[in-house]
Amino acid sequence: MGFFEKVYEVVKRIPKGKVATYGQIARIIGEPRKAKIVGWALHSNPYKGIVPCHRVVNRNGELSGGFAFGGMEIQRKLLEDEGIIFDESGRINLRKYLRKENGSEY
């Protein structure tokens, strides 16, 4: 399985109401220094509606300026529709919403 496909498999397992970071996904697939390539994979996501790439944010809980399916406003709306709350600076509280990284959850 190629790098992009590994990314899609991990992202498919992020449940509604949770997020993951690019770096977290890179670590899970065994490529901890390739967070930017995770972003490229999600920008190229051929599985719209199957791979919920809107649930991936940066390490500060901020949205991606390059969200592939309509921009940051669409990404934010999708997350808010899942119950995720943004603070006044537009960030997500990762302590509350970050998908935990352990064998039973990923």
PDB file of N, CA and C in Angstrom:
ATOM      1  N   MET A   1       0.854  -1.177   0.000  1.00  0.00           N
ATOM      2  CA  MET A   1       0.000   0.000   0.000  1.00  0.00           C
ATOM      3  C   MET A   1       0.896   1.234   0.000  1.00  0.00           C
ATOM      4  N   GLY A   2       0.583   2.194  -0.851  1.00  0.00           N
ATOM      5  CA  GLY A   2       1.369   3.410  -0.949  1.00  0.00           C
ATOM      6  C   GLY A   2       1.090   4.395   0.179  1.00  0.00           C
ATOM      7  N   PHE A   3       1.916   5.422   0.270  1.00  0.00           N
ATOM      8  CA  PHE A   3       1.809   6.425   1.329  1.00  0.00           C
ATOM      9  C   PHE A   3       0.418   7.067   1.359  1.00  0.00           C
ATOM     10  N   PHE A   4      -0.072   7.549   0.223  1.00  0.00           N
ATOM     11  CA  PHE A   4      -1.372   8.225   0.197  1.00  0.00           C
ATOM     12  C   PHE A   4      -2.477   7.287   0.669  1.00  0.00           C
ATOM     13  N   GLU A   5      -2.447   6.045   0.227  1.00  0.00           N
ATOM     14  CA  GLU A   5      -3.479   5.089   0.632  1.00  0.00           C
ATOM     15  C   GLU A   5      -3.434   4.823   2.130  1.00  0.00           C
ATOM     16  N   LYS A   6      -2.232   4.778   2.697  1.00  0.00           N
ATOM     17  CA  LYS A   6      -2.107   4.612   4.149  1.00  0.00           C
ATOM     18  C   LYS A   6      -2.742   5.796   4.875  1.00  0.00           C
ATOM     19  N   VAL A   7      -2.495   6.990   4.357  1.00  0.00           N
ATOM     20  CA  VAL A   7      -3.095   8.191   4.945  1.00  0.00           C
ATOM     21  C   VAL A   7      -4.615   8.071   4.917  1.00  0.00           C
ATOM     22  N   TYR A   8      -5.170   7.703   3.778  1.00  0.00           N
ATOM     23  CA  TYR A   8      -6.632   7.604   3.649  1.00  0.00           C
ATOM     24  C   TYR A   8      -7.210   6.572   4.617  1.00  0.00           C
ATOM     25  N   GLU A   9      -6.510   5.459   4.814  1.00  0.00           N
ATOM     26  CA  GLU A   9      -6.991   4.425   5.733  1.00  0.00           C
ATOM     27  C   GLU A   9      -7.055   4.953   7.167  1.00  0.00           C
ATOM     28  N   VAL A  10      -6.056   5.710   7.580  1.00  0.00           N
ATOM     29  CA  VAL A  10      -6.046   6.271   8.939  1.00  0.00           C
ATOM     30  C   VAL A  10      -7.136   7.325   9.081  1.00  0.00           C
ATOM     31  N   VAL A  11      -7.248   8.212   8.114  1.00  0.00           N
ATOM     32  CA  VAL A  11      -8.218   9.306   8.207  1.00  0.00           C
ATOM     33  C   VAL A  11      -9.646   8.772   8.200  1.00  0.00           C
ATOM     34  N   LYS A  12      -9.894   7.681   7.504  1.00  0.00           N
ATOM     35  CA  LYS A  12     -11.238   7.089   7.502  1.00  0.00           C
ATOM     36  C   LYS A  12     -11.677   6.677   8.902  1.00  0.00           C
ATOM     37  N   ARG A  13     -10.731   6.437   9.790  1.00  0.00           N
ATOM     38  CA  ARG A  13     -11.057   5.962  11.135  1.00  0.00           C
ATOM     39  C   ARG A  13     -11.216   7.087  12.161  1.00  0.00           C
ATOM     40  N   ILE A  14     -11.104   8.340  11.730  1.00  0.00           N
ATOM     41  CA  ILE A  14     -11.333   9.450  12.665  1.00  0.00           C
ATOM     42  C   ILE A  14     -12.852   9.613  12.798  1.00  0.00           C
ATOM     43  N   PRO A  15     -13.377   9.452  14.005  1.00  0.00           N
ATOM     44  CA  PRO A  15     -14.831   9.526  14.157  1.00  0.00           C
ATOM     45  C   PRO A  15     -15.369  10.951  14.117  1.00  0.00           C
ATOM     46  N   LYS A  16     -16.648  11.069  13.870  1.00  0.00           N
ATOM     47  CA  LYS A  16     -17.310  12.371  13.925  1.00  0.00           C
ATOM     48  C   LYS A  16     -17.064  12.984  15.291  1.00  0.00           C
ATOM     49  N   GLY A  17     -16.838  14.290  15.284  1.00  0.00           N
ATOM     50  CA  GLY A  17     -16.628  14.999  16.538  1.00  0.00           C
ATOM     51  C   GLY A  17     -15.209  14.956  17.054  1.00  0.00           C
ATOM     52  N   LYS A  18     -14.295  14.371  16.289  1.00  0.00           N
ATOM     53  CA  LYS A  18     -12.879  14.313  16.651  1.00  0.00           C
ATOM     54  C   LYS A  18     -12.041  14.785  15.476  1.00  0.00           C
ATOM     55  N   VAL A  19     -10.799  15.189  15.769  1.00  0.00           N
ATOM     56  CA  VAL A  19      -9.856  15.584  14.726  1.00  0.00           C
ATOM     57  C   VAL A  19      -8.529  14.885  14.971  1.00  0.00           C
ATOM     58  N   ALA A  20      -7.684  14.913  13.963  1.00  0.00           N
ATOM     59  CA  ALA A  20      -6.306  14.456  14.075  1.00  0.00           C
ATOM     60  C   ALA A  20      -5.431  15.531  13.442  1.00  0.00           C
ATOM     61  N   THR A  21      -4.155  15.499  13.736  1.00  0.00           N
ATOM     62  CA  THR A  21      -3.236  16.448  13.114  1.00  0.00           C
ATOM     63  C   THR A  21      -2.467  15.756  11.988  1.00  0.00           C
ATOM     64  N   TYR A  22      -1.910  16.565  11.118  1.00  0.00           N
ATOM     65  CA  TYR A  22      -1.102  16.025  10.020  1.00  0.00           C
ATOM     66  C   TYR A  22       0.063  15.208  10.576  1.00  0.00           C
ATOM     67  N   GLY A  23       0.736  15.748  11.592  1.00  0.00           N
ATOM     68  CA  GLY A  23       1.859  15.052  12.193  1.00  0.00           C
ATOM     69  C   GLY A  23       1.458  13.756  12.871  1.00  0.00           C
ATOM     70  N   GLN A  24       0.316  13.763  13.509  1.00  0.00           N
ATOM     71  CA  GLN A  24      -0.190  12.553  14.162  1.00  0.00           C
ATOM     72  C   GLN A  24      -0.408  11.450  13.128  1.00  0.00           C
ATOM     73  N   ILE A  25      -1.001  11.795  12.015  1.00  0.00           N
ATOM     74  CA  ILE A  25      -1.243  10.807  10.960  1.00  0.00           C
ATOM     75  C   ILE A  25       0.082  10.286  10.413  1.00  0.00           C
ATOM     76  N   ALA A  26       1.032  11.190  10.207  1.00  0.00           N
ATOM     77  CA  ALA A  26       2.349  10.774   9.717  1.00  0.00           C
ATOM     78  C   ALA A  26       2.996   9.783  10.691  1.00  0.00           C
ATOM     79  N   ARG A  27       2.903  10.046  11.993  1.00  0.00           N
ATOM     80  CA  ARG A  27       3.469   9.127  12.989  1.00  0.00           C
ATOM     81  C   ARG A  27       2.765   7.776  12.953  1.00  0.00           C
ATOM     82  N   ILE A  28       1.456   7.783  12.843  1.00  0.00           N
ATOM     83  CA  ILE A  28       0.689   6.536  12.855  1.00  0.00           C
ATOM     84  C   ILE A  28       1.091   5.627  11.700  1.00  0.00           C
ATOM     85  N   ILE A  29       1.367   6.218  10.543  1.00  0.00           N
ATOM     86  CA  ILE A  29       1.734   5.380   9.399  1.00  0.00           C
ATOM     87  C   ILE A  29       3.238   5.109   9.328  1.00  0.00           C
ATOM     88  N   GLY A  30       3.960   5.538  10.365  1.00  0.00           N
ATOM     89  CA  GLY A  30       5.382   5.228  10.444  1.00  0.00           C
ATOM     90  C   GLY A  30       6.288   6.160   9.675  1.00  0.00           C
ATOM     91  N   GLU A  31       5.798   7.346   9.348  1.00  0.00           N
ATOM     92  CA  GLU A  31       6.580   8.329   8.601  1.00  0.00           C
ATOM     93  C   GLU A  31       6.522   9.674   9.328  1.00  0.00           C
ATOM     94  N   PRO A  32       7.092   9.764  10.540  1.00  0.00           N
ATOM     95  CA  PRO A  32       6.894  10.936  11.392  1.00  0.00           C
ATOM     96  C   PRO A  32       7.373  12.272  10.826  1.00  0.00           C
ATOM     97  N   ARG A  33       8.204  12.270   9.840  1.00  0.00           N
ATOM     98  CA  ARG A  33       8.712  13.524   9.287  1.00  0.00           C
ATOM     99  C   ARG A  33       7.972  13.948   8.015  1.00  0.00           C
ATOM    100  N   LYS A  34       6.870  13.321   7.731  1.00  0.00           N
ATOM    101  CA  LYS A  34       6.170  13.589   6.465  1.00  0.00           C
ATOM    102  C   LYS A  34       4.778  14.191   6.647  1.00  0.00           C
ATOM    103  N   ALA A  35       4.625  15.072   7.630  1.00  0.00           N
ATOM    104  CA  ALA A  35       3.332  15.714   7.860  1.00  0.00           C
ATOM    105  C   ALA A  35       2.874  16.512   6.642  1.00  0.00           C
ATOM    106  N   LYS A  36       3.800  17.197   5.975  1.00  0.00           N
ATOM    107  CA  LYS A  36       3.415  17.977   4.784  1.00  0.00           C
ATOM    108  C   LYS A  36       2.901  17.068   3.671  1.00  0.00           C
ATOM    109  N   ILE A  37       3.479  15.905   3.542  1.00  0.00           N
ATOM    110  CA  ILE A  37       3.029  14.984   2.494  1.00  0.00           C
ATOM    111  C   ILE A  37       1.643  14.433   2.844  1.00  0.00           C
ATOM    112  N   VAL A  38       1.362  14.291   4.142  1.00  0.00           N
ATOM    113  CA  VAL A  38      -0.002  13.930   4.551  1.00  0.00           C
ATOM    114  C   VAL A  38      -0.967  14.987   4.014  1.00  0.00           C
ATOM    115  N   GLY A  39      -0.592  16.252   4.140  1.00  0.00           N
ATOM    116  CA  GLY A  39      -1.419  17.334   3.607  1.00  0.00           C
ATOM    117  C   GLY A  39      -1.625  17.223   2.111  1.00  0.00           C
ATOM    118  N   TRP A  40      -0.588  16.876   1.393  1.00  0.00           N
ATOM    119  CA  TRP A  40      -0.720  16.714  -0.065  1.00  0.00           C
ATOM    120  C   TRP A  40      -1.676  15.574  -0.384  1.00  0.00           C
ATOM    121  N   ALA A  41      -1.549  14.492   0.376  1.00  0.00           N
ATOM    122  CA  ALA A  41      -2.427  13.343   0.154  1.00  0.00           C
ATOM    123  C   ALA A  41      -3.886  13.756   0.348  1.00  0.00           C
ATOM    124  N   LEU A  42      -4.153  14.507   1.408  1.00  0.00           N
ATOM    125  CA  LEU A  42      -5.532  14.911   1.681  1.00  0.00           C
ATOM    126  C   LEU A  42      -6.033  15.917   0.653  1.00  0.00           C
ATOM    127  N   HIS A  43      -5.142  16.761   0.170  1.00  0.00           N
ATOM    128  CA  HIS A  43      -5.535  17.715  -0.872  1.00  0.00           C
ATOM    129  C   HIS A  43      -5.898  16.982  -2.167  1.00  0.00           C
ATOM    130  N   SER A  44      -5.306  15.816  -2.356  1.00  0.00           N
ATOM    131  CA  SER A  44      -5.559  15.005  -3.549  1.00  0.00           C
ATOM    132  C   SER A  44      -6.613  13.926  -3.324  1.00  0.00           C
ATOM    133  N   ASN A  45      -7.259  13.941  -2.178  1.00  0.00           N
ATOM    134  CA  ASN A  45      -8.205  12.904  -1.773  1.00  0.00           C
ATOM    135  C   ASN A  45      -9.211  12.556  -2.880  1.00  0.00           C
ATOM    136  N   PRO A  46      -9.119  11.367  -3.464  1.00  0.00           N
ATOM    137  CA  PRO A  46     -10.071  10.972  -4.505  1.00  0.00           C
ATOM    138  C   PRO A  46     -11.350  10.364  -3.933  1.00  0.00           C
ATOM    139  N   TYR A  47     -11.431  10.281  -2.615  1.00  0.00           N
ATOM    140  CA  TYR A  47     -12.553   9.608  -1.958  1.00  0.00           C
ATOM    141  C   TYR A  47     -13.436  10.593  -1.194  1.00  0.00           C
ATOM    142  N   LYS A  48     -13.830  11.645  -1.842  1.00  0.00           N
ATOM    143  CA  LYS A  48     -14.676  12.650  -1.191  1.00  0.00           C
ATOM    144  C   LYS A  48     -15.942  11.977  -0.661  1.00  0.00           C
ATOM    145  N   GLY A  49     -16.247  12.251   0.613  1.00  0.00           N
ATOM    146  CA  GLY A  49     -17.408  11.639   1.236  1.00  0.00           C
ATOM    147  C   GLY A  49     -17.099  10.322   1.924  1.00  0.00           C
ATOM    148  N   ILE A  50     -15.933   9.758   1.644  1.00  0.00           N
ATOM    149  CA  ILE A  50     -15.521   8.498   2.268  1.00  0.00           C
ATOM    150  C   ILE A  50     -14.366   8.751   3.240  1.00  0.00           C
ATOM    151  N   VAL A  51     -13.392   9.530   2.807  1.00  0.00           N
ATOM    152  CA  VAL A  51     -12.254   9.901   3.645  1.00  0.00           C
ATOM    153  C   VAL A  51     -12.523  11.314   4.162  1.00  0.00           C
ATOM    154  N   PRO A  52     -12.818  11.458   5.453  1.00  0.00           N
ATOM    155  CA  PRO A  52     -13.204  12.756   6.003  1.00  0.00           C
ATOM    156  C   PRO A  52     -12.007  13.674   6.270  1.00  0.00           C
ATOM    157  N   CYS A  53     -11.406  14.154   5.191  1.00  0.00           N
ATOM    158  CA  CYS A  53     -10.193  14.958   5.342  1.00  0.00           C
ATOM    159  C   CYS A  53     -10.451  16.268   6.078  1.00  0.00           C
ATOM    160  N   HIS A  54     -11.700  16.682   6.202  1.00  0.00           N
ATOM    161  CA  HIS A  54     -11.999  17.894   6.965  1.00  0.00           C
ATOM    162  C   HIS A  54     -11.682  17.729   8.446  1.00  0.00           C
ATOM    163  N   ARG A  55     -11.488  16.502   8.910  1.00  0.00           N
ATOM    164  CA  ARG A  55     -11.185  16.233  10.321  1.00  0.00           C
ATOM    165  C   ARG A  55      -9.693  16.307  10.638  1.00  0.00           C
ATOM    166  N   VAL A  56      -8.898  16.767   9.696  1.00  0.00           N
ATOM    167  CA  VAL A  56      -7.456  16.890   9.919  1.00  0.00           C
ATOM    168  C   VAL A  56      -7.103  18.373   9.994  1.00  0.00           C
ATOM    169  N   VAL A  57      -6.394  18.731  11.071  1.00  0.00           N
ATOM    170  CA  VAL A  57      -6.018  20.118  11.332  1.00  0.00           C
ATOM    171  C   VAL A  57      -4.527  20.181  11.633  1.00  0.00           C
ATOM    172  N   ASN A  58      -4.006  21.396  11.760  1.00  0.00           N
ATOM    173  CA  ASN A  58      -2.579  21.489  12.074  1.00  0.00           C
ATOM    174  C   ASN A  58      -2.334  21.299  13.567  1.00  0.00           C
ATOM    175  N   ARG A  59      -1.090  21.292  13.958  1.00  0.00           N
ATOM    176  CA  ARG A  59      -0.721  20.976  15.344  1.00  0.00           C
ATOM    177  C   ARG A  59      -1.211  22.004  16.357  1.00  0.00           C
ATOM    178  N   ASN A  60      -1.651  23.165  15.875  1.00  0.00           N
ATOM    179  CA  ASN A  60      -2.188  24.200  16.754  1.00  0.00           C
ATOM    180  C   ASN A  60      -3.713  24.186  16.805  1.00  0.00           C
ATOM    181  N   GLY A  61      -4.330  23.218  16.151  1.00  0.00           N
ATOM    182  CA  GLY A  61      -5.789  23.161  16.120  1.00  0.00           C
ATOM    183  C   GLY A  61      -6.402  24.128  15.136  1.00  0.00           C
ATOM    184  N   GLU A  62      -5.616  24.548  14.158  1.00  0.00           N
ATOM    185  CA  GLU A  62      -6.087  25.486  13.138  1.00  0.00           C
ATOM    186  C   GLU A  62      -6.435  24.745  11.855  1.00  0.00           C
ATOM    187  N   LEU A  63      -7.317  25.342  11.091  1.00  0.00           N
ATOM    188  CA  LEU A  63      -7.739  24.757   9.824  1.00  0.00           C
ATOM    189  C   LEU A  63      -6.694  24.982   8.749  1.00  0.00           C
ATOM    190  N   SER A  64      -6.767  24.149   7.742  1.00  0.00           N
ATOM    191  CA  SER A  64      -5.853  24.260   6.617  1.00  0.00           C
ATOM    192  C   SER A  64      -6.361  25.302   5.632  1.00  0.00           C
ATOM    193  N   GLY A  65      -5.492  26.198   5.254  1.00  0.00           N
ATOM    194  CA  GLY A  65      -5.861  27.185   4.246  1.00  0.00           C
ATOM    195  C   GLY A  65      -6.073  26.551   2.887  1.00  0.00           C
ATOM    196  N   GLY A  66      -5.580  25.349   2.695  1.00  0.00           N
ATOM    197  CA  GLY A  66      -5.696  24.678   1.407  1.00  0.00           C
ATOM    198  C   GLY A  66      -6.711  23.561   1.398  1.00  0.00           C
ATOM    199  N   PHE A  67      -7.722  23.628   2.263  1.00  0.00           N
ATOM    200  CA  PHE A  67      -8.726  22.562   2.286  1.00  0.00           C
ATOM    201  C   PHE A  67      -9.295  22.400   0.877  1.00  0.00           C
ATOM    202  N   ALA A  68      -9.224  21.207   0.360  1.00  0.00           N
ATOM    203  CA  ALA A  68      -9.486  20.940  -1.056  1.00  0.00           C
ATOM    204  C   ALA A  68     -10.948  21.018  -1.468  1.00  0.00           C
ATOM    205  N   PHE A  69     -11.866  20.909  -0.534  1.00  0.00           N
ATOM    206  CA  PHE A  69     -13.269  20.802  -0.932  1.00  0.00           C
ATOM    207  C   PHE A  69     -14.096  22.023  -0.567  1.00  0.00           C
ATOM    208  N   GLY A  70     -13.578  23.204  -0.876  1.00  0.00           N
ATOM    209  CA  GLY A  70     -14.372  24.400  -0.683  1.00  0.00           C
ATOM    210  C   GLY A  70     -13.773  25.455   0.219  1.00  0.00           C
ATOM    211  N   GLY A  71     -12.600  25.238   0.748  1.00  0.00           N
ATOM    212  CA  GLY A  71     -11.941  26.238   1.570  1.00  0.00           C
ATOM    213  C   GLY A  71     -12.211  26.081   3.051  1.00  0.00           C
ATOM    214  N   MET A  72     -11.582  26.973   3.817  1.00  0.00           N
ATOM    215  CA  MET A  72     -11.649  26.902   5.272  1.00  0.00           C
ATOM    216  C   MET A  72     -13.066  27.057   5.817  1.00  0.00           C
ATOM    217  N   GLU A  73     -13.876  27.860   5.167  1.00  0.00           N
ATOM    218  CA  GLU A  73     -15.237  28.069   5.657  1.00  0.00           C
ATOM    219  C   GLU A  73     -16.038  26.764   5.610  1.00  0.00           C
ATOM    220  N   ILE A  74     -15.858  26.008   4.542  1.00  0.00           N
ATOM    221  CA  ILE A  74     -16.552  24.725   4.410  1.00  0.00           C
ATOM    222  C   ILE A  74     -16.010  23.736   5.437  1.00  0.00           C
ATOM    223  N   GLN A  75     -14.697  23.698   5.590  1.00  0.00           N
ATOM    224  CA  GLN A  75     -14.100  22.788   6.574  1.00  0.00           C
ATOM    225  C   GLN A  75     -14.630  23.116   7.969  1.00  0.00           C
ATOM    226  N   ARG A  76     -14.651  24.386   8.307  1.00  0.00           N
ATOM    227  CA  ARG A  76     -15.147  24.777   9.633  1.00  0.00           C
ATOM    228  C   ARG A  76     -16.611  24.371   9.817  1.00  0.00           C
ATOM    229  N   LYS A  77     -17.436  24.610   8.810  1.00  0.00           N
ATOM    230  CA  LYS A  77     -18.853  24.263   8.910  1.00  0.00           C
ATOM    231  C   LYS A  77     -19.027  22.758   9.098  1.00  0.00           C
ATOM    232  N   LEU A  78     -18.279  21.961   8.355  1.00  0.00           N
ATOM    233  CA  LEU A  78     -18.366  20.506   8.496  1.00  0.00           C
ATOM    234  C   LEU A  78     -18.018  20.069   9.920  1.00  0.00           C
ATOM    235  N   LEU A  79     -16.977  20.675  10.486  1.00  0.00           N
ATOM    236  CA  LEU A  79     -16.577  20.325  11.846  1.00  0.00           C
ATOM    237  C   LEU A  79     -17.604  20.809  12.870  1.00  0.00           C
ATOM    238  N   GLU A  80     -18.109  22.009  12.687  1.00  0.00           N
ATOM    239  CA  GLU A  80     -19.126  22.520  13.607  1.00  0.00           C
ATOM    240  C   GLU A  80     -20.389  21.661  13.553  1.00  0.00           C
ATOM    241  N   ASP A  81     -20.735  21.192  12.373  1.00  0.00           N
ATOM    242  CA  ASP A  81     -21.902  20.314  12.233  1.00  0.00           C
ATOM    243  C   ASP A  81     -21.719  19.000  12.999  1.00  0.00           C
ATOM    244  N   GLU A  82     -20.462  18.639  13.266  1.00  0.00           N
ATOM    245  CA  GLU A  82     -20.161  17.431  14.036  1.00  0.00           C
ATOM    246  C   GLU A  82     -20.006  17.721  15.528  1.00  0.00           C
ATOM    247  N   GLY A  83     -20.237  18.976  15.925  1.00  0.00           N
ATOM    248  CA  GLY A  83     -20.191  19.339  17.334  1.00  0.00           C
ATOM    249  C   GLY A  83     -18.881  19.919  17.819  1.00  0.00           C
ATOM    250  N   ILE A  84     -17.950  20.164  16.926  1.00  0.00           N
ATOM    251  CA  ILE A  84     -16.662  20.735  17.315  1.00  0.00           C
ATOM    252  C   ILE A  84     -16.816  22.245  17.456  1.00  0.00           C
ATOM    253  N   ILE A  85     -16.301  22.758  18.560  1.00  0.00           N
ATOM    254  CA  ILE A  85     -16.410  24.185  18.861  1.00  0.00           C
ATOM    255  C   ILE A  85     -15.052  24.843  18.661  1.00  0.00           C
ATOM    256  N   PHE A  86     -15.072  26.014  18.053  1.00  0.00           N
ATOM    257  CA  PHE A  86     -13.864  26.799  17.825  1.00  0.00           C
ATOM    258  C   PHE A  86     -13.795  27.920  18.853  1.00  0.00           C
ATOM    259  N   ASP A  87     -12.584  28.273  19.277  1.00  0.00           N
ATOM    260  CA  ASP A  87     -12.453  29.398  20.197  1.00  0.00           C
ATOM    261  C   ASP A  87     -12.490  30.711  19.411  1.00  0.00           C
ATOM    262  N   GLU A  88     -12.356  31.818  20.132  1.00  0.00           N
ATOM    263  CA  GLU A  88     -12.462  33.138  19.499  1.00  0.00           C
ATOM    264  C   GLU A  88     -11.375  33.405  18.472  1.00  0.00           C
ATOM    265  N   SER A  89     -10.256  32.672  18.548  1.00  0.00           N
ATOM    266  CA  SER A  89      -9.185  32.857  17.565  1.00  0.00           C
ATOM    267  C   SER A  89      -9.310  31.878  16.392  1.00  0.00           C
ATOM    268  N   GLY A  90     -10.378  31.076  16.394  1.00  0.00           N
ATOM    269  CA  GLY A  90     -10.601  30.142  15.293  1.00  0.00           C
ATOM    270  C   GLY A  90      -9.891  28.815  15.445  1.00  0.00           C
ATOM    271  N   ARG A  91      -9.460  28.511  16.647  1.00  0.00           N
ATOM    272  CA  ARG A  91      -8.760  27.249  16.901  1.00  0.00           C
ATOM    273  C   ARG A  91      -9.683  26.241  17.589  1.00  0.00           C
ATOM    274  N   ILE A  92      -9.309  24.981  17.425  1.00  0.00           N
ATOM    275  CA  ILE A  92      -9.993  23.871  18.074  1.00  0.00           C
ATOM    276  C   ILE A  92      -9.187  23.485  19.313  1.00  0.00           C
ATOM    277  N   ASN A  93      -9.868  23.204  20.399  1.00  0.00           N
ATOM    278  CA  ASN A  93      -9.209  22.733  21.621  1.00  0.00           C
ATOM    279  C   ASN A  93      -8.797  21.277  21.402  1.00  0.00           C
ATOM    280  N   LEU A  94      -7.521  21.066  21.150  1.00  0.00           N
ATOM    281  CA  LEU A  94      -7.050  19.713  20.861  1.00  0.00           C
ATOM    282  C   LEU A  94      -7.119  18.804  22.081  1.00  0.00           C
ATOM    283  N   ARG A  95      -7.046  19.348  23.268  1.00  0.00           N
ATOM    284  CA  ARG A  95      -7.190  18.499  24.460  1.00  0.00           C
ATOM    285  C   ARG A  95      -8.564  17.849  24.496  1.00  0.00           C
ATOM    286  N   LYS A  96      -9.536  18.548  23.967  1.00  0.00           N
ATOM    287  CA  LYS A  96     -10.909  18.036  23.983  1.00  0.00           C
ATOM    288  C   LYS A  96     -11.241  17.204  22.748  1.00  0.00           C
ATOM    289  N   TYR A  97     -10.788  17.638  21.574  1.00  0.00           N
ATOM    290  CA  TYR A  97     -11.258  17.045  20.323  1.00  0.00           C
ATOM    291  C   TYR A  97     -10.251  16.160  19.590  1.00  0.00           C
ATOM    292  N   LEU A  98      -8.998  16.121  20.038  1.00  0.00           N
ATOM    293  CA  LEU A  98      -7.996  15.327  19.331  1.00  0.00           C
ATOM    294  C   LEU A  98      -8.255  13.842  19.521  1.00  0.00           C
ATOM    295  N   ARG A  99      -8.260  13.120  18.430  1.00  0.00           N
ATOM    296  CA  ARG A  99      -8.397  11.658  18.450  1.00  0.00           C
ATOM    297  C   ARG A  99      -7.157  11.088  19.111  1.00  0.00           C
ATOM    298  N   LYS A 100      -7.344  10.260  20.102  1.00  0.00           N
ATOM    299  CA  LYS A 100      -6.217   9.686  20.823  1.00  0.00           C
ATOM    300  C   LYS A 100      -5.448   8.710  19.950  1.00  0.00           C
ATOM    301  N   GLU A 101      -4.166   8.671  20.190  1.00  0.00           N
ATOM    302  CA  GLU A 101      -3.249   7.839  19.394  1.00  0.00           C
ATOM    303  C   GLU A 101      -2.863   6.600  20.203  1.00  0.00           C
ATOM    304  N   ASN A 102      -3.642   5.564  20.088  1.00  0.00           N
ATOM    305  CA  ASN A 102      -3.217   4.304  20.704  1.00  0.00           C
ATOM    306  C   ASN A 102      -3.732   3.149  19.867  1.00  0.00           C
ATOM    307  N   GLY A 103      -3.198   2.010  20.104  1.00  0.00           N
ATOM    308  CA  GLY A 103      -3.502   0.860  19.269  1.00  0.00           C
ATOM    309  C   GLY A 103      -4.980   0.518  19.169  1.00  0.00           C
ATOM    310  N   SER A 104      -5.740   0.765  20.223  1.00  0.00           N
ATOM    311  CA  SER A 104      -7.151   0.373  20.193  1.00  0.00           C
ATOM    312  C   SER A 104      -8.016   1.373  19.439  1.00  0.00           C
ATOM    313  N   GLU A 105      -7.497   2.571  19.231  1.00  0.00           N
ATOM    314  CA  GLU A 105      -8.310   3.597  18.585  1.00  0.00           C
ATOM    315  C   GLU A 105      -7.922   3.832  17.127  1.00  0.00           C
ATOM    316  N   TYR A 106      -6.736   3.452  16.733  1.00  0.00           N
ATOM    317  CA  TYR A 106      -6.325   3.650  15.339  1.00  0.00           C
ATOM    318  C   TYR A 106      -5.979   2.338  14.704  1.00  0.00           C
TER     319      TYR A 106
END
